[in-house]
């Protein structure tokens, strides 16, 4: 037992098994909403939802176990919010790639992430993006997934005259709105697993309202669904053809994953007192490797980009400090694998609360954006605005980065822009003029 705990970085002189296990339970309850949300979002692409549930769980287990035994840190991983929306709504439904091609893009991004981690060049790439734009990207993704949640819950609907309007108040939209309010109250009261319990409550309330449909021969526990319909179905044709839009997709996935993971690790480690005086975090390179491996393996299983969850901070706040915490999260995901019927009957309206409230959490960095400098404020505003308005995370990032370079350059402050940013700007300009050249 002591040898096993040592493999997870546990020191009996510093740590408590009970504390680590309870921290793992807290983290799991806080992030387990992804088990209901991810199959619903990725299912929009035509992928098998039962297989998606199993793939989501398997990818989370494998990635979190790498975090536990290799990095020995108390962080948990699963398919990332925002990243799954980018996969489904931008890559497949807007850009027209098949879900098989989208999985290939995730796989390529994961492999590149592994190489960047091995050669320790990720900092140079991240540092090339101005800090204000990094904040804006997080905010924009938060607005985008909140927008998706409101749409899925019927709270906002299409309108021929105004494009969008408030939807009719019916059982579905009322249930969705109630979930947002109840979830917000539970978060304010600091209830562990607030989003998870809200989703379950809304699902139960939805039964008599006719929103939640109970399938025939329903069983609470069942053997895991096969991932065969979506596993190893990667299509690299768009990548091999050199499609410029596809290359932008891989680039966007890489940056989103880098920002998401680094931001989570730095924030959580700081709160836990893990960061040293020089700003370094022991084991962060190994943590990034767990993220990269999780993304690569997740793509093979059939799910979107796997990333470190900011909800890990909940477990860290409860005292989690070692891989024992992340190991216990992985074991709880394993148990959840046998409860797929429960998660798969959860209606979209019941998950609206998770999408909207996670969106609230993601817009926190907006207070850090320098709004008094218009060469910073305007590109950030474009980034945040264009993600929900174009229904595309990648377009928001591209337009934000491009506007940053152009505004800085033509306002006489071009020296503030890195060489990498200029190269990216030329790449993005070519992306937009390529269709005219081909025509």
Protein backbone atom coordinates (compact mmCIF):
# COMPACT_ATOMS: atom_id res chain seq x y z
CA UNK A 1 0.00 0.00 0.00
CA UNK A 2 2.80 2.41 0.91
CA UNK A 3 4.59 1.61 -2.36
CA UNK A 4 1.38 2.29 -4.30
CA UNK A 5 0.82 5.61 -2.55
CA UNK A 6 4.46 6.56 -3.21
CA UNK A 7 3.85 6.01 -6.92
CA UNK A 8 1.20 8.73 -6.65
CA UNK A 9 3.50 11.19 -4.88
CA UNK A 10 1.93 10.60 -1.48
CA UNK A 11 4.00 11.35 1.62
CA UNK A 12 2.37 10.12 4.87
CA UNK A 13 4.26 12.82 6.78
CA UNK A 14 2.64 15.59 4.74
CA UNK A 15 -0.59 14.16 3.40
CA UNK A 16 -3.73 12.35 4.53
CA UNK A 17 -5.34 9.54 2.50
CA UNK A 18 -8.79 10.54 3.71
CA UNK A 19 -8.26 14.15 2.69
CA UNK A 20 -6.96 13.14 -0.75
CA UNK A 21 -9.92 10.79 -1.37
CA UNK A 22 -12.47 13.40 -0.30
CA UNK A 23 -10.74 15.93 -2.53
CA UNK A 24 -11.09 13.49 -5.43
CA UNK A 25 -14.80 13.09 -4.74
CA UNK A 26 -15.23 16.88 -4.70
CA UNK A 27 -13.42 17.27 -8.02
CA UNK A 28 -15.44 14.48 -9.63
CA UNK A 29 -18.80 15.87 -8.50
CA UNK A 30 -17.80 19.34 -9.68
CA UNK A 31 -16.76 18.25 -13.20
CA UNK A 32 -19.03 15.24 -13.78
CA UNK A 33 -21.54 17.39 -15.68
CA UNK A 34 -19.30 16.75 -18.72
CA UNK A 35 -20.67 13.18 -18.82
CA UNK A 36 -24.10 14.58 -19.68
CA UNK A 37 -23.01 17.56 -21.76
CA UNK A 38 -20.30 16.08 -24.00
CA UNK A 39 -22.44 13.36 -25.66
CA UNK A 40 -25.18 15.94 -26.31
CA UNK A 41 -22.81 18.45 -27.92
CA UNK A 42 -20.79 15.99 -29.99
CA UNK A 43 -23.97 14.08 -30.80
CA UNK A 44 -25.04 17.09 -32.90
CA UNK A 45 -22.51 15.92 -35.49
CA UNK A 46 -24.27 12.58 -35.99
CA UNK A 47 -21.94 10.60 -33.74
CA UNK A 48 -23.46 7.79 -31.67
CA UNK A 49 -24.32 9.25 -28.25
CA UNK A 50 -23.96 5.98 -26.32
CA UNK A 51 -20.52 5.44 -27.81
CA UNK A 52 -19.68 9.08 -27.06
CA UNK A 53 -20.51 8.60 -23.40
CA UNK A 54 -18.13 5.63 -23.15
CA UNK A 55 -15.42 7.44 -25.12
CA UNK A 56 -15.73 10.50 -22.88
CA UNK A 57 -15.34 8.38 -19.75
CA UNK A 58 -12.49 6.23 -21.10
CA UNK A 59 -10.51 9.26 -22.28
CA UNK A 60 -11.02 10.96 -18.90
CA UNK A 61 -9.88 7.85 -17.01
CA UNK A 62 -6.73 7.32 -19.08
CA UNK A 63 -5.67 10.98 -19.07
CA UNK A 64 -6.32 11.38 -15.35
CA UNK A 65 -4.35 8.21 -14.57
CA UNK A 66 -1.38 9.64 -16.49
CA UNK A 67 -1.73 12.77 -14.38
CA UNK A 68 -1.85 10.64 -11.22
CA UNK A 69 1.09 8.31 -11.84
CA UNK A 70 3.32 10.40 -14.13
CA UNK A 71 2.79 13.97 -12.94
CA UNK A 72 1.66 12.95 -9.42
CA UNK A 73 -0.53 16.05 -9.24
CA UNK A 74 -4.16 16.46 -8.06
CA UNK A 75 -5.59 17.57 -11.43
CA UNK A 76 -8.33 15.75 -13.34
CA UNK A 77 -8.86 15.74 -17.09
CA UNK A 78 -11.77 15.21 -19.49
CA UNK A 79 -13.09 16.48 -22.81
CA UNK A 80 -12.91 20.25 -22.56
CA UNK A 81 -15.86 22.63 -22.64
CA UNK A 82 -15.50 25.12 -25.46
CA UNK A 83 -13.22 22.68 -27.23
CA UNK A 84 -16.13 20.26 -27.71
CA UNK A 85 -18.30 23.13 -28.94
CA UNK A 86 -15.56 24.09 -31.42
CA UNK A 87 -15.46 20.47 -32.61
CA UNK A 88 -19.21 20.13 -33.13
CA UNK A 89 -20.49 23.55 -34.09
CA UNK A 90 -17.51 25.10 -35.88
CA UNK A 91 -15.61 22.23 -37.49
CA UNK A 92 -18.54 20.05 -38.46
CA UNK A 93 -21.75 22.08 -38.60
CA UNK A 94 -20.28 25.38 -39.87
CA UNK A 95 -17.08 24.52 -41.76
CA UNK A 96 -18.52 21.31 -43.17
CA UNK A 97 -15.83 18.83 -42.15
CA UNK A 98 -17.00 15.35 -41.26
CA UNK A 99 -16.72 14.27 -37.63
CA UNK A 100 -14.10 11.76 -38.77
CA UNK A 101 -11.99 14.63 -40.17
CA UNK A 102 -12.56 16.60 -36.98
CA UNK A 103 -11.25 13.67 -34.91
CA UNK A 104 -8.16 13.57 -37.14
CA UNK A 105 -7.59 17.28 -36.43
CA UNK A 106 -7.79 16.60 -32.68
CA UNK A 107 -5.34 13.71 -33.06
CA UNK A 108 -2.84 15.82 -35.03
CA UNK A 109 -3.15 18.62 -32.46
CA UNK A 110 -2.49 16.12 -29.68
CA UNK A 111 0.63 14.77 -31.37
CA UNK A 112 1.93 18.32 -31.96
CA UNK A 113 1.21 19.11 -28.30
CA UNK A 114 3.26 16.07 -27.25
CA UNK A 115 6.19 17.21 -29.40
CA UNK A 116 5.98 20.78 -28.07
CA UNK A 117 5.98 19.44 -24.53
CA UNK A 118 8.95 17.15 -25.15
CA UNK A 119 11.02 19.94 -26.69
CA UNK A 120 9.73 22.52 -24.20
CA UNK A 121 8.81 25.16 -26.79
CA UNK A 122 5.19 25.66 -25.74
CA UNK A 123 6.04 28.77 -23.69
CA UNK A 124 7.47 30.51 -26.76
CA UNK A 125 4.28 29.86 -28.70
CA UNK A 126 1.98 31.00 -25.93
CA UNK A 127 4.11 34.07 -25.23
CA UNK A 128 3.76 35.11 -28.88
CA UNK A 129 0.07 35.81 -28.24
CA UNK A 130 -0.46 39.09 -26.32
CA UNK A 131 -1.77 38.58 -22.80
CA UNK A 132 -4.89 40.68 -23.40
CA UNK A 133 -5.87 38.52 -26.36
CA UNK A 134 -5.41 35.42 -24.25
CA UNK A 135 -7.91 36.83 -21.76
CA UNK A 136 -10.27 37.75 -24.60
CA UNK A 137 -10.17 34.23 -26.04
CA UNK A 138 -11.29 32.77 -22.70
CA UNK A 139 -14.09 35.34 -22.43
CA UNK A 140 -15.22 34.76 -26.01
CA UNK A 141 -15.41 31.01 -25.53
CA UNK A 142 -17.44 31.57 -22.37
CA UNK A 143 -19.93 33.74 -24.26
CA UNK A 144 -20.09 31.19 -27.07
CA UNK A 145 -20.89 28.15 -24.94
CA UNK A 146 -23.41 30.18 -22.92
CA UNK A 147 -25.04 31.11 -26.22
CA UNK A 148 -25.22 27.43 -27.15
CA UNK A 149 -26.79 26.61 -23.79
CA UNK A 150 -29.47 29.28 -24.21
CA UNK A 151 -30.22 27.99 -27.70
CA UNK A 152 -30.40 24.35 -26.62
CA UNK A 153 -32.75 25.29 -23.80
CA UNK A 154 -35.10 27.20 -26.12
CA UNK A 155 -34.52 30.43 -24.19
CA UNK A 156 -33.37 32.16 -27.38
CA UNK A 157 -34.67 31.22 -30.83
CA UNK A 158 -34.18 32.24 -34.46
CA UNK A 159 -36.18 35.23 -35.69
CA UNK A 160 -36.52 36.22 -39.37
CA UNK A 161 -36.75 39.92 -38.54
CA UNK A 162 -34.07 40.28 -35.86
CA UNK A 163 -32.06 37.06 -36.32
CA UNK A 164 -32.55 36.23 -32.62
CA UNK A 165 -35.25 36.76 -30.04
CA UNK A 166 -36.49 35.47 -26.71
CA UNK A 167 -38.17 32.11 -27.17
CA UNK A 168 -41.66 31.19 -26.01
CA UNK A 169 -42.03 30.21 -22.39
CA UNK A 170 -42.87 26.52 -22.39
CA UNK A 171 -41.91 23.46 -20.37
CA UNK A 172 -38.48 23.22 -22.01
CA UNK A 173 -37.42 26.86 -21.70
CA UNK A 174 -38.83 27.19 -18.18
CA UNK A 175 -36.91 24.09 -17.10
CA UNK A 176 -33.73 25.50 -18.64
CA UNK A 177 -34.16 28.88 -16.94
CA UNK A 178 -34.91 27.23 -13.61
CA UNK A 179 -31.71 25.24 -13.95
CA UNK A 180 -29.66 28.40 -14.48
CA UNK A 181 -31.17 30.04 -11.40
CA UNK A 182 -30.92 26.99 -9.15
CA UNK A 183 -27.39 26.22 -10.33
CA UNK A 184 -26.37 29.82 -9.70
CA UNK A 185 -27.81 29.70 -6.19
CA UNK A 186 -26.00 26.44 -5.38
CA UNK A 187 -22.72 27.85 -6.70
CA UNK A 188 -23.22 30.97 -4.58
CA UNK A 189 -23.76 28.72 -1.55
CA UNK A 190 -20.55 26.82 -2.50
CA UNK A 191 -22.35 23.47 -2.73
CA UNK A 192 -20.05 20.70 -3.91
CA UNK A 193 -21.14 19.34 -7.27
CA UNK A 194 -23.58 22.20 -7.79
CA UNK A 195 -23.82 21.77 -11.57
CA UNK A 196 -24.03 17.98 -11.38
CA UNK A 197 -26.85 18.04 -8.84
CA UNK A 198 -28.69 20.76 -10.76
CA UNK A 199 -28.59 18.70 -13.96
CA UNK A 200 -29.94 15.63 -12.14
CA UNK A 201 -32.67 17.70 -10.44
CA UNK A 202 -33.77 19.30 -13.74
CA UNK A 203 -33.81 15.86 -15.38
CA UNK A 204 -36.14 14.53 -12.67
CA UNK A 205 -38.40 17.60 -12.83
CA UNK A 206 -38.49 17.19 -16.59
CA UNK A 207 -40.13 13.74 -16.35
CA UNK A 208 -43.66 14.88 -15.39
CA UNK A 209 -43.27 17.90 -17.72
CA UNK A 210 -42.62 15.61 -20.67
CA UNK A 211 -39.18 17.12 -21.34
CA UNK A 212 -37.24 14.11 -20.05
CA UNK A 213 -38.03 10.97 -22.01
CA UNK A 214 -37.51 7.66 -20.20
CA UNK A 215 -36.63 4.96 -22.75
CA UNK A 216 -38.39 1.60 -22.73
CA UNK A 217 -36.75 -1.10 -20.63
CA UNK A 218 -34.81 1.58 -18.76
CA UNK A 219 -32.14 0.27 -16.40
CA UNK A 220 -30.14 2.50 -14.09
CA UNK A 221 -27.04 0.33 -14.37
CA UNK A 222 -25.80 -1.41 -17.52
CA UNK A 223 -22.67 -2.66 -19.18
CA UNK A 224 -20.72 0.11 -20.95
CA UNK A 225 -21.71 0.86 -24.54
CA UNK A 226 -19.17 -0.04 -27.20
CA UNK A 227 -17.04 2.77 -28.67
CA UNK A 228 -16.74 0.83 -31.93
CA UNK A 229 -19.03 3.23 -33.91
CA UNK A 230 -16.63 6.15 -33.35
CA UNK A 231 -13.27 4.69 -32.25
CA UNK A 232 -10.36 4.74 -34.73
CA UNK A 233 -12.53 6.45 -37.35
CA UNK A 234 -10.06 9.24 -38.08
CA UNK A 235 -10.03 10.68 -41.61
CA UNK A 236 -6.78 12.47 -42.55
CA UNK A 237 -7.81 13.34 -46.11
CA UNK A 238 -8.26 17.07 -45.43
CA UNK A 239 -4.91 17.24 -43.62
CA UNK A 240 -3.02 15.43 -46.38
CA UNK A 241 -4.61 17.65 -49.04
CA UNK A 242 -3.12 20.75 -47.37
CA UNK A 243 -6.52 22.46 -46.99
CA UNK A 244 -5.69 25.90 -45.56
CA UNK A 245 -8.89 25.98 -43.47
CA UNK A 246 -8.01 22.60 -41.98
CA UNK A 247 -4.53 23.83 -41.02
CA UNK A 248 -6.15 26.82 -39.30
CA UNK A 249 -8.36 24.37 -37.42
CA UNK A 250 -5.36 22.41 -36.10
CA UNK A 251 -3.63 25.67 -35.15
CA UNK A 252 -6.74 26.92 -33.33
CA UNK A 253 -7.17 23.66 -31.43
CA UNK A 254 -3.54 23.79 -30.35
CA UNK A 255 -3.77 27.33 -29.02
CA UNK A 256 -7.09 26.75 -27.28
CA UNK A 257 -5.69 23.66 -25.57
CA UNK A 258 -2.47 25.44 -24.59
CA UNK A 259 -4.25 28.45 -23.12
CA UNK A 260 -6.85 26.34 -21.36
CA UNK A 261 -4.36 23.95 -19.80
CA UNK A 262 -1.71 26.46 -18.80
CA UNK A 263 -4.30 28.83 -17.37
CA UNK A 264 -5.87 26.06 -15.31
CA UNK A 265 -2.56 24.66 -14.05
CA UNK A 266 -1.14 28.06 -13.11
CA UNK A 267 -4.34 29.21 -11.42
CA UNK A 268 -4.89 26.00 -9.48
CA UNK A 269 -1.23 25.62 -8.48
CA UNK A 270 -1.13 29.21 -7.24
CA UNK A 271 -4.24 28.69 -5.12
CA UNK A 272 -2.78 25.51 -3.67
CA UNK A 273 0.55 27.12 -2.84
CA UNK A 274 2.39 24.85 -5.30
CA UNK A 275 4.01 27.68 -7.25
CA UNK A 276 7.57 28.57 -6.25
CA UNK A 277 8.85 32.11 -5.73
CA UNK A 278 10.38 32.16 -9.21
CA UNK A 279 6.95 31.44 -10.71
CA UNK A 280 7.73 27.84 -11.65
CA UNK A 281 5.39 24.94 -10.87
CA UNK A 282 7.03 21.60 -10.04
CA UNK A 283 5.85 18.92 -12.44
CA UNK A 284 4.04 21.26 -14.86
CA UNK A 285 5.80 19.75 -17.88
CA UNK A 286 4.56 16.31 -16.87
CA UNK A 287 1.07 17.72 -16.33
CA UNK A 288 1.12 19.14 -19.85
CA UNK A 289 2.21 15.75 -21.14
CA UNK A 290 -0.80 14.14 -19.45
CA UNK A 291 -3.01 16.65 -21.27
CA UNK A 292 -1.33 15.96 -24.62
CA UNK A 293 -1.52 12.19 -24.22
CA UNK A 294 -5.16 12.46 -23.15
CA UNK A 295 -6.03 14.46 -26.27
CA UNK A 296 -4.27 11.99 -28.57
CA UNK A 297 -5.81 8.91 -26.97
CA UNK A 298 -9.19 10.65 -26.73
CA UNK A 299 -9.21 11.26 -30.48
CA UNK A 300 -8.54 7.57 -31.07
CA UNK A 301 -11.42 6.68 -28.73
CA UNK A 302 -13.72 9.13 -30.54
CA UNK A 303 -13.99 12.27 -28.45
CA UNK A 304 -12.87 15.91 -28.65
CA UNK A 305 -9.80 17.53 -27.08
CA UNK A 306 -9.05 16.40 -23.52
CA UNK A 307 -7.81 19.08 -21.14
CA UNK A 308 -7.11 19.74 -17.48
CA UNK A 309 -10.26 20.87 -15.70
CA UNK A 310 -10.39 24.11 -13.77
CA UNK A 311 -12.87 22.33 -11.48
CA UNK A 312 -9.81 20.54 -10.08
CA UNK A 313 -9.38 23.62 -7.93
CA UNK A 314 -12.43 22.50 -5.93
CA UNK A 315 -10.62 19.35 -4.84
CA UNK A 316 -7.40 21.25 -4.23
CA UNK A 317 -9.32 23.65 -2.01
CA UNK A 318 -10.40 20.58 -0.02
CA UNK A 319 -6.79 19.59 0.54
CA UNK A 320 -5.88 17.51 -2.53
CA UNK A 321 -2.14 17.75 -3.20
CA UNK A 322 -1.00 14.47 -4.79
CA UNK A 323 -1.82 11.94 -7.46
CA UNK A 324 -4.04 10.12 -4.95
CA UNK A 325 -6.65 12.80 -5.61
CA UNK A 326 -6.54 12.40 -9.38
CA UNK A 327 -6.42 8.60 -9.06
CA UNK A 328 -9.64 8.64 -7.02
CA UNK A 329 -11.26 10.85 -9.70
CA UNK A 330 -10.31 8.30 -12.35
CA UNK A 331 -11.85 5.50 -10.28
CA UNK A 332 -15.10 7.47 -9.89
CA UNK A 333 -15.20 7.96 -13.68
CA UNK A 334 -14.79 4.19 -14.00
CA UNK A 335 -17.83 3.63 -11.77
CA UNK A 336 -19.82 6.20 -13.79
CA UNK A 337 -19.12 4.16 -16.94
CA UNK A 338 -21.77 1.68 -15.75
CA UNK A 339 -24.46 4.37 -15.34
CA UNK A 340 -24.68 5.44 -18.99
CA UNK A 341 -28.52 5.01 -19.19
CA UNK A 342 -28.93 7.73 -16.54
CA UNK A 343 -26.63 10.21 -18.25
CA UNK A 344 -27.94 9.52 -21.76
CA UNK A 345 -31.56 10.30 -20.90
CA UNK A 346 -30.65 13.79 -19.64
CA UNK A 347 -32.35 16.33 -21.96
CA UNK A 348 -30.60 19.33 -23.49
CA UNK A 349 -32.68 21.71 -21.35
CA UNK A 350 -31.25 20.14 -18.18
CA UNK A 351 -27.68 20.83 -19.33
CA UNK A 352 -28.34 24.49 -20.14
CA UNK A 353 -27.34 25.42 -16.60
CA UNK A 354 -23.90 23.86 -17.03
CA UNK A 355 -23.22 25.62 -20.33
CA UNK A 356 -24.38 29.02 -19.14
CA UNK A 357 -22.74 28.87 -15.70
CA UNK A 358 -19.45 27.53 -17.05
CA UNK A 359 -19.67 30.48 -19.44
CA UNK A 360 -19.95 32.75 -16.41
CA UNK A 361 -16.79 31.22 -14.96
CA UNK A 362 -14.91 31.67 -18.22
CA UNK A 363 -15.55 35.40 -18.55
CA UNK A 364 -13.75 36.22 -15.29
CA UNK A 365 -10.53 37.30 -17.10
CA UNK A 366 -12.39 40.21 -18.72
CA UNK A 367 -11.44 42.38 -15.72
CA UNK A 368 -7.77 41.91 -16.61
CA UNK A 369 -8.07 43.28 -20.16
CA UNK A 370 -6.48 46.70 -20.72
CA UNK A 371 -9.49 48.66 -22.00
CA UNK A 372 -7.88 52.13 -21.90
CA UNK A 373 -5.57 51.28 -24.80
CA UNK A 374 -7.63 51.00 -28.00
CA UNK A 375 -4.89 49.03 -29.78
CA UNK A 376 -5.54 46.34 -27.16
CA UNK A 377 -9.24 46.87 -26.44
CA UNK A 378 -10.55 46.79 -30.02
CA UNK A 379 -8.93 43.44 -31.01
CA UNK A 380 -10.07 41.94 -27.71
CA UNK A 381 -13.60 43.17 -28.27
CA UNK A 382 -13.58 41.74 -31.81
CA UNK A 383 -12.36 38.39 -30.48
CA UNK A 384 -15.05 38.20 -27.81
CA UNK A 385 -17.84 39.49 -30.05
CA UNK A 386 -17.17 37.42 -33.15
CA UNK A 387 -17.14 34.02 -31.45
CA UNK A 388 -20.88 33.97 -30.62
CA UNK A 389 -21.89 36.21 -33.55
CA UNK A 390 -20.14 34.06 -36.18
CA UNK A 391 -20.96 30.90 -34.23
CA UNK A 392 -17.27 30.03 -34.54
CA UNK A 393 -14.47 30.04 -32.00
CA UNK A 394 -11.80 29.85 -34.70
CA UNK A 395 -13.16 32.87 -36.59
CA UNK A 396 -13.15 34.87 -33.37
CA UNK A 397 -9.51 33.98 -32.69
CA UNK A 398 -8.41 34.61 -36.29
CA UNK A 399 -10.19 37.97 -36.58
CA UNK A 400 -8.93 39.06 -33.17
CA UNK A 401 -5.29 38.22 -33.93
CA UNK A 402 -5.48 39.77 -37.39
CA UNK A 403 -7.07 43.00 -36.13
CA UNK A 404 -4.44 43.22 -33.38
CA UNK A 405 -1.58 43.18 -35.89
CA UNK A 406 -3.24 45.64 -38.27
CA UNK A 407 -4.26 48.15 -35.59
CA UNK A 408 -0.84 48.08 -33.95
CA UNK A 409 0.93 48.40 -37.31
CA UNK A 410 -1.10 51.32 -38.68
CA UNK A 411 -1.15 53.22 -35.39
CA UNK A 412 2.65 53.38 -35.37
CA UNK A 413 3.15 50.70 -32.73
CA UNK A 414 4.17 47.83 -34.94
CA UNK A 415 7.27 47.14 -32.86
CA UNK A 416 5.01 45.88 -30.06
CA UNK A 417 3.97 42.98 -32.29
CA UNK A 418 6.09 39.83 -32.27
CA UNK A 419 7.50 38.29 -35.44
CA UNK A 420 5.33 35.23 -34.82
CA UNK A 421 2.21 37.41 -34.82
CA UNK A 422 3.17 38.95 -38.17
CA UNK A 423 3.66 35.49 -39.63
CA UNK A 424 0.28 34.40 -38.30
CA UNK A 425 -1.36 37.53 -39.73
CA UNK A 426 -0.01 36.74 -43.20
CA UNK A 427 -1.24 33.17 -42.79
CA UNK A 428 -4.73 34.38 -41.84
CA UNK A 429 -4.86 36.95 -44.66
CA UNK A 430 -4.05 34.16 -47.10
CA UNK A 431 -6.85 32.11 -45.54
CA UNK A 432 -9.39 34.80 -46.42
CA UNK A 433 -8.10 35.63 -49.92
CA UNK A 434 -7.50 32.00 -50.94
CA UNK A 435 -11.12 31.48 -52.09
CA UNK A 436 -10.83 34.49 -54.44
CA UNK A 437 -7.53 33.19 -55.85
CA UNK A 438 -9.03 29.75 -56.46
CA UNK A 439 -12.07 31.36 -58.11
